[in-house]
């Protein structure tokens, strides 16, 4: 698998790995950054384990993790990945996105997601991209809906969170037949 670099005038997404994850240490320690995530990343050891899991997935062809560099701010902004990649059925998920507070609401996420959707549909030739969001995470749900993704259903009490809460997960999707219209209307 070739290692993709996804880039436009605002953002550069390169492969996240053990050689560059330390650029995320400060962001990972921001209070409540992953409030709606089942992942623990707020210590250097936890972040290292989180990235190692992503790297292992890359070598198993089930994930493609990216570190996010914001060209406008000239700084690393977080990480994201393609995950649960199903090469046979041509479906993958975009998620595991952590963006530092200073970069939220700046338009960075829209640039990132465009590049990722474009790569999934136009380069990988996948049929569907899915997003999974905690039902309580209204901000992320609205962001995914602004991308043109449609709510396909809610998995009730399907994931155990760090604090013991059993969350319900909203499942959103974009299919390849919708991509051209979304590309024109949203981006």
N, C-alpha and C. Protein backbone atom coordinates (compact mmCIF):
# COMPACT_ATOMS: atom_id res chain seq x y z
N UNK A 1 0.87 -1.18 0.00
CA UNK A 1 0.00 0.00 0.00
C UNK A 1 0.91 1.23 0.00
N UNK A 2 0.68 2.12 -0.95
CA UNK A 2 1.44 3.36 -0.97
C UNK A 2 1.00 4.25 0.19
N UNK A 3 1.94 4.98 0.72
CA UNK A 3 1.65 5.87 1.84
C UNK A 3 1.18 7.20 1.28
N UNK A 4 -0.10 7.51 1.50
CA UNK A 4 -0.62 8.76 0.93
C UNK A 4 -0.24 9.99 1.76
N UNK A 5 0.00 11.09 1.06
CA UNK A 5 0.07 12.41 1.69
C UNK A 5 -1.09 13.18 1.07
N UNK A 6 -1.98 13.67 1.92
CA UNK A 6 -3.14 14.42 1.44
C UNK A 6 -2.90 15.87 1.81
N UNK A 7 -3.00 16.76 0.81
CA UNK A 7 -2.58 18.14 1.06
C UNK A 7 -3.32 19.12 0.18
N UNK A 8 -3.64 20.28 0.76
CA UNK A 8 -4.13 21.41 -0.01
C UNK A 8 -3.44 22.66 0.54
N UNK A 9 -3.98 23.82 0.23
CA UNK A 9 -3.32 25.06 0.66
C UNK A 9 -3.43 25.29 2.17
N UNK A 10 -4.29 24.55 2.86
CA UNK A 10 -4.53 24.78 4.29
C UNK A 10 -3.94 23.69 5.19
N UNK A 11 -3.99 22.44 4.74
CA UNK A 11 -3.66 21.33 5.62
C UNK A 11 -2.82 20.28 4.90
N UNK A 12 -2.00 19.61 5.69
CA UNK A 12 -1.21 18.50 5.16
C UNK A 12 -1.38 17.31 6.10
N UNK A 13 -1.84 16.20 5.54
CA UNK A 13 -2.02 14.96 6.29
C UNK A 13 -0.96 13.97 5.85
N UNK A 14 -0.12 13.57 6.79
CA UNK A 14 0.92 12.58 6.50
C UNK A 14 0.77 11.42 7.47
N UNK A 15 1.41 10.31 7.16
CA UNK A 15 1.26 9.11 7.96
C UNK A 15 1.68 9.36 9.41
N UNK A 16 0.80 9.03 10.33
CA UNK A 16 1.08 9.11 11.76
C UNK A 16 1.82 7.84 12.17
N UNK A 17 2.89 8.03 12.93
CA UNK A 17 3.64 6.87 13.37
C UNK A 17 4.42 7.15 14.64
N UNK A 18 5.22 6.19 15.01
CA UNK A 18 6.00 6.31 16.24
C UNK A 18 7.09 7.38 16.11
N UNK A 19 7.42 7.77 14.90
CA UNK A 19 8.47 8.77 14.71
C UNK A 19 7.95 10.21 14.85
N UNK A 20 6.63 10.42 14.75
CA UNK A 20 6.13 11.80 14.79
C UNK A 20 5.01 12.03 15.81
N UNK A 21 4.58 11.02 16.53
CA UNK A 21 3.44 11.18 17.43
C UNK A 21 3.72 12.16 18.57
N UNK A 22 4.98 12.36 18.91
CA UNK A 22 5.30 13.26 20.03
C UNK A 22 4.88 14.69 19.74
N UNK A 23 4.65 15.01 18.48
CA UNK A 23 4.13 16.33 18.11
C UNK A 23 2.70 16.54 18.64
N UNK A 24 2.08 15.48 19.13
CA UNK A 24 0.70 15.55 19.62
C UNK A 24 0.61 15.54 21.14
N UNK A 25 1.73 15.43 21.83
CA UNK A 25 1.70 15.29 23.29
C UNK A 25 0.96 16.42 23.99
N UNK A 26 1.23 17.65 23.60
CA UNK A 26 0.58 18.79 24.25
C UNK A 26 -0.92 18.81 23.98
N UNK A 27 -1.30 18.57 22.73
CA UNK A 27 -2.72 18.56 22.36
C UNK A 27 -3.46 17.45 23.10
N UNK A 28 -2.83 16.28 23.20
CA UNK A 28 -3.48 15.13 23.83
C UNK A 28 -3.80 15.37 25.31
N UNK A 29 -3.12 16.32 25.92
CA UNK A 29 -3.34 16.60 27.34
C UNK A 29 -4.39 17.69 27.58
N UNK A 30 -4.98 18.23 26.51
CA UNK A 30 -6.01 19.25 26.68
C UNK A 30 -7.22 18.66 27.40
N UNK A 31 -7.76 19.40 28.34
CA UNK A 31 -8.87 18.94 29.17
C UNK A 31 -10.10 18.58 28.33
N UNK A 32 -10.62 17.38 28.54
CA UNK A 32 -11.84 16.90 27.89
C UNK A 32 -11.76 16.84 26.36
N UNK A 33 -10.56 16.77 25.81
CA UNK A 33 -10.43 16.71 24.35
C UNK A 33 -11.14 15.48 23.79
N UNK A 34 -11.04 14.37 24.48
CA UNK A 34 -11.66 13.14 24.00
C UNK A 34 -12.81 12.72 24.92
N UNK A 35 -13.56 13.69 25.34
CA UNK A 35 -14.70 13.46 26.24
C UNK A 35 -15.65 12.39 25.70
N UNK A 36 -15.84 12.36 24.39
CA UNK A 36 -16.79 11.43 23.78
C UNK A 36 -16.10 10.26 23.10
N UNK A 37 -14.87 9.97 23.48
CA UNK A 37 -14.12 8.88 22.89
C UNK A 37 -13.86 7.80 23.94
N UNK A 38 -13.84 6.55 23.53
CA UNK A 38 -13.50 5.48 24.47
C UNK A 38 -11.99 5.33 24.67
N UNK A 39 -11.20 6.19 24.02
CA UNK A 39 -9.74 6.09 24.08
C UNK A 39 -9.14 7.03 25.12
N UNK A 40 -8.12 6.54 25.80
CA UNK A 40 -7.40 7.34 26.78
C UNK A 40 -6.08 7.77 26.13
N UNK A 41 -5.84 9.08 26.08
CA UNK A 41 -4.63 9.58 25.40
C UNK A 41 -3.91 10.66 26.20
N UNK A 42 -4.34 10.94 27.42
CA UNK A 42 -3.86 12.13 28.11
C UNK A 42 -2.52 11.99 28.81
N UNK A 43 -1.91 10.81 28.78
CA UNK A 43 -0.54 10.69 29.28
C UNK A 43 0.34 10.28 28.09
N UNK A 44 1.64 10.56 28.17
CA UNK A 44 2.52 10.15 27.05
C UNK A 44 2.43 8.65 26.75
N UNK A 45 2.30 7.83 27.78
CA UNK A 45 2.21 6.38 27.57
C UNK A 45 0.91 6.00 26.87
N UNK A 46 -0.20 6.63 27.30
CA UNK A 46 -1.48 6.34 26.68
C UNK A 46 -1.50 6.78 25.22
N UNK A 47 -0.94 7.94 24.94
CA UNK A 47 -0.89 8.42 23.55
C UNK A 47 -0.04 7.48 22.70
N UNK A 48 1.07 7.05 23.26
CA UNK A 48 1.95 6.13 22.53
C UNK A 48 1.20 4.83 22.20
N UNK A 49 0.45 4.30 23.18
CA UNK A 49 -0.34 3.07 22.94
C UNK A 49 -1.41 3.30 21.88
N UNK A 50 -2.06 4.46 21.94
CA UNK A 50 -3.10 4.82 20.97
C UNK A 50 -2.51 4.83 19.55
N UNK A 51 -1.36 5.46 19.42
CA UNK A 51 -0.71 5.54 18.10
C UNK A 51 -0.20 4.18 17.67
N UNK A 52 0.33 3.39 18.59
CA UNK A 52 0.81 2.05 18.25
C UNK A 52 -0.32 1.20 17.70
N UNK A 53 -1.51 1.32 18.29
CA UNK A 53 -2.67 0.60 17.78
C UNK A 53 -2.98 1.02 16.35
N UNK A 54 -2.90 2.32 16.08
CA UNK A 54 -3.14 2.83 14.71
C UNK A 54 -2.08 2.31 13.74
N UNK A 55 -0.84 2.30 14.17
CA UNK A 55 0.26 1.81 13.33
C UNK A 55 0.09 0.31 13.05
N UNK A 56 -0.26 -0.45 14.09
CA UNK A 56 -0.50 -1.89 13.88
C UNK A 56 -1.61 -2.10 12.85
N UNK A 57 -2.67 -1.29 12.96
CA UNK A 57 -3.75 -1.38 11.99
C UNK A 57 -3.29 -1.05 10.58
N UNK A 58 -2.37 -0.09 10.46
CA UNK A 58 -1.83 0.26 9.15
C UNK A 58 -1.12 -0.95 8.53
N UNK A 59 -0.30 -1.62 9.33
CA UNK A 59 0.42 -2.78 8.80
C UNK A 59 -0.49 -3.97 8.54
N UNK A 60 -1.66 -3.97 9.18
CA UNK A 60 -2.65 -5.01 8.90
C UNK A 60 -3.66 -4.59 7.84
N UNK A 61 -3.45 -3.40 7.26
CA UNK A 61 -4.29 -2.86 6.19
C UNK A 61 -5.73 -2.57 6.63
N UNK A 62 -5.93 -2.27 7.92
CA UNK A 62 -7.27 -1.95 8.41
C UNK A 62 -7.40 -0.47 8.80
N UNK A 63 -6.29 0.26 8.87
CA UNK A 63 -6.31 1.69 9.16
C UNK A 63 -5.26 2.41 8.31
N UNK A 64 -5.49 3.69 8.12
CA UNK A 64 -4.46 4.60 7.59
C UNK A 64 -4.52 5.83 8.49
N UNK A 65 -3.58 5.92 9.46
CA UNK A 65 -3.60 7.05 10.40
C UNK A 65 -2.80 8.24 9.88
N UNK A 66 -3.31 9.43 10.16
CA UNK A 66 -2.66 10.66 9.71
C UNK A 66 -2.37 11.59 10.88
N UNK A 67 -1.26 12.30 10.79
CA UNK A 67 -1.01 13.43 11.68
C UNK A 67 -1.42 14.66 10.87
N UNK A 68 -2.04 15.62 11.54
CA UNK A 68 -2.59 16.80 10.87
C UNK A 68 -1.66 17.99 11.10
N UNK A 69 -1.24 18.59 9.99
CA UNK A 69 -0.42 19.81 10.09
C UNK A 69 -1.22 20.96 9.49
N UNK A 70 -1.48 21.98 10.30
CA UNK A 70 -2.21 23.17 9.87
C UNK A 70 -1.20 24.15 9.27
N UNK A 71 -1.25 24.33 7.96
CA UNK A 71 -0.30 25.22 7.28
C UNK A 71 -0.51 26.68 7.67
N UNK A 72 -1.75 27.07 7.91
CA UNK A 72 -2.06 28.45 8.26
C UNK A 72 -1.44 28.81 9.62
N UNK A 73 -1.53 27.90 10.57
CA UNK A 73 -0.98 28.13 11.91
C UNK A 73 0.48 27.68 12.01
N UNK A 74 0.95 26.95 10.99
CA UNK A 74 2.30 26.39 10.99
C UNK A 74 2.53 25.53 12.23
N UNK A 75 1.56 24.63 12.50
CA UNK A 75 1.64 23.80 13.70
C UNK A 75 0.88 22.49 13.49
N UNK A 76 1.31 21.48 14.26
CA UNK A 76 0.56 20.23 14.26
C UNK A 76 -0.73 20.46 15.03
N UNK A 77 -1.84 19.94 14.48
CA UNK A 77 -3.16 20.23 15.03
C UNK A 77 -3.83 19.02 15.64
N UNK A 78 -3.37 17.82 15.33
CA UNK A 78 -4.01 16.63 15.85
C UNK A 78 -3.77 15.43 14.96
N UNK A 79 -4.71 14.49 15.00
CA UNK A 79 -4.59 13.29 14.17
C UNK A 79 -5.99 12.80 13.79
N UNK A 80 -6.03 11.96 12.78
CA UNK A 80 -7.28 11.38 12.29
C UNK A 80 -6.91 10.09 11.56
N UNK A 81 -7.90 9.32 11.18
CA UNK A 81 -7.55 8.13 10.40
C UNK A 81 -8.74 7.57 9.61
N UNK A 82 -8.37 6.80 8.60
CA UNK A 82 -9.29 5.88 7.97
C UNK A 82 -9.21 4.62 8.83
N UNK A 83 -10.35 4.04 9.17
CA UNK A 83 -10.32 2.84 9.99
C UNK A 83 -11.37 1.86 9.54
N UNK A 84 -11.32 0.69 10.15
CA UNK A 84 -12.24 -0.40 9.80
C UNK A 84 -12.33 -0.54 8.28
N UNK A 85 -11.18 -0.48 7.62
CA UNK A 85 -11.14 -0.54 6.16
C UNK A 85 -11.51 -1.95 5.70
N UNK A 86 -12.56 -2.03 4.92
CA UNK A 86 -13.02 -3.29 4.36
C UNK A 86 -12.76 -3.24 2.85
N UNK A 87 -11.62 -3.79 2.46
CA UNK A 87 -11.19 -3.71 1.06
C UNK A 87 -12.12 -4.49 0.14
N UNK A 88 -12.67 -5.59 0.60
CA UNK A 88 -13.55 -6.42 -0.23
C UNK A 88 -14.86 -5.68 -0.53
N UNK A 89 -15.48 -5.11 0.50
CA UNK A 89 -16.76 -4.44 0.31
C UNK A 89 -16.63 -2.96 -0.01
N UNK A 90 -15.39 -2.45 -0.01
CA UNK A 90 -15.10 -1.06 -0.38
C UNK A 90 -15.83 -0.06 0.51
N UNK A 91 -15.71 -0.31 1.82
CA UNK A 91 -16.29 0.57 2.84
C UNK A 91 -15.20 0.86 3.86
N UNK A 92 -15.13 2.11 4.29
CA UNK A 92 -14.21 2.48 5.36
C UNK A 92 -14.84 3.54 6.23
N UNK A 93 -14.24 3.74 7.38
CA UNK A 93 -14.70 4.77 8.31
C UNK A 93 -13.68 5.89 8.37
N UNK A 94 -14.15 7.10 8.56
CA UNK A 94 -13.28 8.23 8.88
C UNK A 94 -13.60 8.58 10.33
N UNK A 95 -12.57 8.65 11.13
CA UNK A 95 -12.80 8.95 12.53
C UNK A 95 -11.52 8.99 13.33
N UNK A 96 -11.65 8.72 14.63
CA UNK A 96 -10.52 8.78 15.54
C UNK A 96 -9.84 10.14 15.42
N UNK A 97 -10.65 11.17 15.21
CA UNK A 97 -10.13 12.52 14.96
C UNK A 97 -9.98 13.29 16.26
N UNK A 98 -8.77 13.76 16.49
CA UNK A 98 -8.46 14.61 17.63
C UNK A 98 -7.90 15.90 17.07
N UNK A 99 -8.56 17.01 17.36
CA UNK A 99 -8.10 18.31 16.89
C UNK A 99 -8.00 19.22 18.12
N UNK A 100 -6.83 19.82 18.30
CA UNK A 100 -6.62 20.71 19.44
C UNK A 100 -7.61 21.86 19.44
N UNK A 101 -7.94 22.33 20.63
CA UNK A 101 -8.95 23.40 20.77
C UNK A 101 -8.63 24.64 19.94
N UNK A 102 -7.36 25.00 19.82
CA UNK A 102 -6.99 26.20 19.06
C UNK A 102 -7.32 26.07 17.58
N UNK A 103 -7.52 24.84 17.11
CA UNK A 103 -7.75 24.60 15.69
C UNK A 103 -9.22 24.31 15.38
N UNK A 104 -10.02 24.12 16.42
CA UNK A 104 -11.44 23.81 16.23
C UNK A 104 -12.18 25.08 15.80
N UNK A 105 -13.10 24.91 14.85
CA UNK A 105 -13.91 26.03 14.38
C UNK A 105 -13.18 26.97 13.43
N UNK A 106 -12.02 26.54 12.93
CA UNK A 106 -11.22 27.39 12.04
C UNK A 106 -11.37 27.02 10.57
N UNK A 107 -12.13 25.96 10.28
CA UNK A 107 -12.27 25.47 8.91
C UNK A 107 -11.30 24.36 8.58
N UNK A 108 -10.38 24.07 9.49
CA UNK A 108 -9.38 23.03 9.26
C UNK A 108 -10.04 21.67 9.02
N UNK A 109 -11.01 21.33 9.86
CA UNK A 109 -11.67 20.02 9.74
C UNK A 109 -12.31 19.83 8.37
N UNK A 110 -12.92 20.85 7.84
CA UNK A 110 -13.57 20.75 6.52
C UNK A 110 -12.53 20.45 5.43
N UNK A 111 -11.38 21.11 5.50
CA UNK A 111 -10.30 20.85 4.53
C UNK A 111 -9.82 19.40 4.65
N UNK A 112 -9.62 18.96 5.88
CA UNK A 112 -9.17 17.58 6.11
C UNK A 112 -10.15 16.56 5.57
N UNK A 113 -11.41 16.76 5.93
CA UNK A 113 -12.42 15.78 5.54
C UNK A 113 -12.60 15.76 4.02
N UNK A 114 -12.50 16.92 3.38
CA UNK A 114 -12.58 16.93 1.91
C UNK A 114 -11.48 16.06 1.32
N UNK A 115 -10.25 16.27 1.77
CA UNK A 115 -9.12 15.51 1.23
C UNK A 115 -9.30 14.01 1.48
N UNK A 116 -9.81 13.67 2.66
CA UNK A 116 -10.00 12.26 2.99
C UNK A 116 -11.12 11.64 2.16
N UNK A 117 -12.22 12.35 2.01
CA UNK A 117 -13.32 11.84 1.19
C UNK A 117 -12.90 11.71 -0.27
N UNK A 118 -12.20 12.72 -0.75
CA UNK A 118 -11.72 12.69 -2.13
C UNK A 118 -10.81 11.48 -2.35
N UNK A 119 -9.91 11.23 -1.43
CA UNK A 119 -9.00 10.09 -1.54
C UNK A 119 -9.78 8.77 -1.50
N UNK A 120 -10.73 8.67 -0.57
CA UNK A 120 -11.50 7.43 -0.44
C UNK A 120 -12.30 7.13 -1.70
N UNK A 121 -12.98 8.14 -2.23
CA UNK A 121 -13.85 7.90 -3.39
C UNK A 121 -13.10 7.93 -4.72
N UNK A 122 -12.14 8.83 -4.88
CA UNK A 122 -11.53 9.02 -6.19
C UNK A 122 -10.23 8.25 -6.40
N UNK A 123 -9.48 7.99 -5.34
CA UNK A 123 -8.24 7.24 -5.48
C UNK A 123 -8.44 5.78 -5.11
N UNK A 124 -8.98 5.53 -3.92
CA UNK A 124 -9.21 4.15 -3.50
C UNK A 124 -10.41 3.52 -4.19
N UNK A 125 -11.30 4.37 -4.76
CA UNK A 125 -12.51 3.90 -5.47
C UNK A 125 -13.44 3.12 -4.54
N UNK A 126 -13.57 3.61 -3.31
CA UNK A 126 -14.47 2.97 -2.36
C UNK A 126 -15.91 3.38 -2.65
N UNK A 127 -16.85 2.53 -2.18
CA UNK A 127 -18.27 2.75 -2.44
C UNK A 127 -18.95 3.54 -1.33
N UNK A 128 -18.35 3.50 -0.12
CA UNK A 128 -19.01 4.14 1.01
C UNK A 128 -18.00 4.57 2.06
N UNK A 129 -18.27 5.72 2.67
CA UNK A 129 -17.50 6.22 3.81
C UNK A 129 -18.48 6.40 4.96
N UNK A 130 -18.11 5.87 6.11
CA UNK A 130 -18.96 5.96 7.29
C UNK A 130 -18.28 6.78 8.38
N UNK A 131 -19.11 7.36 9.24
CA UNK A 131 -18.66 8.11 10.41
C UNK A 131 -19.46 7.59 11.60
N UNK A 132 -18.82 7.39 12.73
CA UNK A 132 -19.51 6.96 13.95
C UNK A 132 -19.28 8.04 15.01
N UNK A 133 -20.36 8.52 15.60
CA UNK A 133 -20.28 9.64 16.54
C UNK A 133 -21.14 9.36 17.77
N UNK A 134 -20.60 9.65 18.94
CA UNK A 134 -21.36 9.53 20.18
C UNK A 134 -22.63 10.37 20.04
N UNK A 135 -23.76 9.78 20.38
CA UNK A 135 -25.05 10.47 20.24
C UNK A 135 -25.06 11.80 20.99
N UNK A 136 -24.32 11.92 22.08
CA UNK A 136 -24.29 13.13 22.90
C UNK A 136 -23.41 14.23 22.31
N UNK A 137 -22.55 13.88 21.36
CA UNK A 137 -21.58 14.82 20.82
C UNK A 137 -22.21 15.64 19.67
N UNK A 138 -23.01 16.60 20.06
CA UNK A 138 -23.77 17.40 19.09
C UNK A 138 -22.84 18.15 18.14
N UNK A 139 -21.75 18.68 18.64
CA UNK A 139 -20.82 19.44 17.79
C UNK A 139 -20.27 18.57 16.66
N UNK A 140 -19.82 17.36 16.98
CA UNK A 140 -19.29 16.47 15.94
C UNK A 140 -20.39 15.98 15.01
N UNK A 141 -21.56 15.74 15.54
CA UNK A 141 -22.67 15.30 14.69
C UNK A 141 -23.00 16.38 13.66
N UNK A 142 -23.06 17.64 14.11
CA UNK A 142 -23.36 18.74 13.18
C UNK A 142 -22.26 18.87 12.13
N UNK A 143 -21.00 18.68 12.54
CA UNK A 143 -19.89 18.78 11.59
C UNK A 143 -20.00 17.70 10.52
N UNK A 144 -20.34 16.49 10.92
CA UNK A 144 -20.50 15.38 9.96
C UNK A 144 -21.69 15.64 9.04
N UNK A 145 -22.77 16.16 9.60
CA UNK A 145 -23.95 16.47 8.78
C UNK A 145 -23.65 17.58 7.77
N UNK A 146 -22.83 18.56 8.17
CA UNK A 146 -22.44 19.63 7.23
C UNK A 146 -21.64 19.10 6.06
N UNK A 147 -21.00 17.95 6.24
CA UNK A 147 -20.24 17.33 5.15
C UNK A 147 -21.16 16.63 4.15
N UNK A 148 -22.44 16.52 4.49
CA UNK A 148 -23.38 15.86 3.59
C UNK A 148 -23.65 14.41 3.96
N UNK A 149 -23.09 13.95 5.07
CA UNK A 149 -23.35 12.57 5.50
C UNK A 149 -24.77 12.45 6.03
N UNK A 150 -25.37 11.31 5.78
CA UNK A 150 -26.75 11.06 6.22
C UNK A 150 -26.75 10.12 7.43
N UNK A 151 -27.61 10.45 8.40
CA UNK A 151 -27.78 9.59 9.56
C UNK A 151 -28.49 8.31 9.10
N UNK A 152 -27.83 7.18 9.31
CA UNK A 152 -28.39 5.90 8.86
C UNK A 152 -29.01 5.12 10.01
N UNK A 153 -28.70 5.50 11.23
CA UNK A 153 -29.26 4.79 12.37
C UNK A 153 -28.44 5.05 13.61
N UNK A 154 -28.95 4.57 14.72
CA UNK A 154 -28.26 4.72 16.00
C UNK A 154 -28.12 3.36 16.64
N UNK A 155 -26.88 3.01 16.95
CA UNK A 155 -26.60 1.77 17.68
C UNK A 155 -26.76 2.09 19.16
N UNK A 156 -27.74 1.51 19.78
CA UNK A 156 -28.07 1.85 21.16
C UNK A 156 -27.15 1.14 22.14
N UNK A 157 -26.58 1.96 23.05
CA UNK A 157 -25.72 1.46 24.14
C UNK A 157 -24.72 0.42 23.64
N UNK A 158 -23.96 0.79 22.63
CA UNK A 158 -23.06 -0.17 21.99
C UNK A 158 -21.59 -0.04 22.38
N UNK A 159 -21.21 1.01 23.12
CA UNK A 159 -19.80 1.20 23.41
C UNK A 159 -19.59 1.68 24.84
N UNK A 160 -18.67 1.01 25.51
CA UNK A 160 -18.34 1.36 26.89
C UNK A 160 -17.30 2.48 26.89
N UNK A 161 -17.60 3.55 27.62
CA UNK A 161 -16.70 4.69 27.70
C UNK A 161 -15.79 4.54 28.92
N UNK A 162 -14.76 5.38 28.96
CA UNK A 162 -13.78 5.30 30.05
C UNK A 162 -14.40 5.48 31.42
N UNK A 163 -15.44 6.29 31.49
CA UNK A 163 -16.08 6.56 32.79
C UNK A 163 -17.16 5.53 33.15
N UNK A 164 -17.28 4.48 32.35
CA UNK A 164 -18.26 3.44 32.63
C UNK A 164 -19.61 3.64 31.95
N UNK A 165 -19.81 4.81 31.33
CA UNK A 165 -21.06 5.11 30.63
C UNK A 165 -21.14 4.25 29.37
N UNK A 166 -22.31 3.72 29.07
CA UNK A 166 -22.51 2.95 27.85
C UNK A 166 -23.16 3.87 26.83
N UNK A 167 -22.38 4.30 25.84
CA UNK A 167 -22.89 5.28 24.88
C UNK A 167 -23.69 4.63 23.77
N UNK A 168 -24.50 5.46 23.13
CA UNK A 168 -25.18 5.09 21.88
C UNK A 168 -24.45 5.82 20.76
N UNK A 169 -24.30 5.15 19.61
CA UNK A 169 -23.48 5.66 18.52
C UNK A 169 -24.33 5.96 17.28
N UNK A 170 -24.22 7.20 16.80
CA UNK A 170 -24.90 7.60 15.56
C UNK A 170 -24.04 7.17 14.37
N UNK A 171 -24.66 6.49 13.44
CA UNK A 171 -23.97 6.00 12.25
C UNK A 171 -24.37 6.86 11.06
N UNK A 172 -23.37 7.51 10.47
CA UNK A 172 -23.58 8.37 9.31
C UNK A 172 -22.86 7.75 8.11
N UNK A 173 -23.35 8.05 6.90
CA UNK A 173 -22.70 7.53 5.72
C UNK A 173 -22.82 8.45 4.52
N UNK A 174 -21.83 8.31 3.64
CA UNK A 174 -21.84 8.93 2.31
C UNK A 174 -21.53 7.81 1.33
N UNK A 175 -22.35 7.68 0.29
CA UNK A 175 -22.08 6.67 -0.73
C UNK A 175 -21.52 7.35 -1.97
N UNK A 176 -20.84 6.57 -2.79
CA UNK A 176 -20.12 7.14 -3.94
C UNK A 176 -21.05 7.90 -4.89
N UNK A 177 -22.30 7.47 -5.00
CA UNK A 177 -23.24 8.15 -5.89
C UNK A 177 -23.56 9.57 -5.40
N UNK A 178 -23.33 9.85 -4.13
CA UNK A 178 -23.59 11.17 -3.56
C UNK A 178 -22.37 12.09 -3.60
N UNK A 179 -21.20 11.51 -3.82
CA UNK A 179 -19.96 12.25 -3.67
C UNK A 179 -19.85 13.47 -4.60
N UNK A 180 -20.17 13.33 -5.86
CA UNK A 180 -20.01 14.45 -6.81
C UNK A 180 -20.88 15.65 -6.41
N UNK A 181 -22.12 15.40 -6.01
CA UNK A 181 -22.99 16.48 -5.57
C UNK A 181 -22.48 17.11 -4.27
N UNK A 182 -22.06 16.27 -3.35
CA UNK A 182 -21.52 16.78 -2.08
C UNK A 182 -20.27 17.62 -2.35
N UNK A 183 -19.43 17.14 -3.22
CA UNK A 183 -18.19 17.85 -3.55
C UNK A 183 -18.49 19.26 -4.07
N UNK A 184 -19.51 19.36 -4.92
CA UNK A 184 -19.87 20.67 -5.49
C UNK A 184 -20.59 21.56 -4.49
N UNK A 185 -21.54 20.98 -3.75
CA UNK A 185 -22.39 21.78 -2.88
C UNK A 185 -21.74 22.14 -1.54
N UNK A 186 -20.98 21.23 -0.98
CA UNK A 186 -20.43 21.41 0.36
C UNK A 186 -19.04 22.04 0.33
N UNK A 187 -18.26 21.62 -0.63
CA UNK A 187 -16.87 22.07 -0.64
C UNK A 187 -16.64 23.09 -1.74
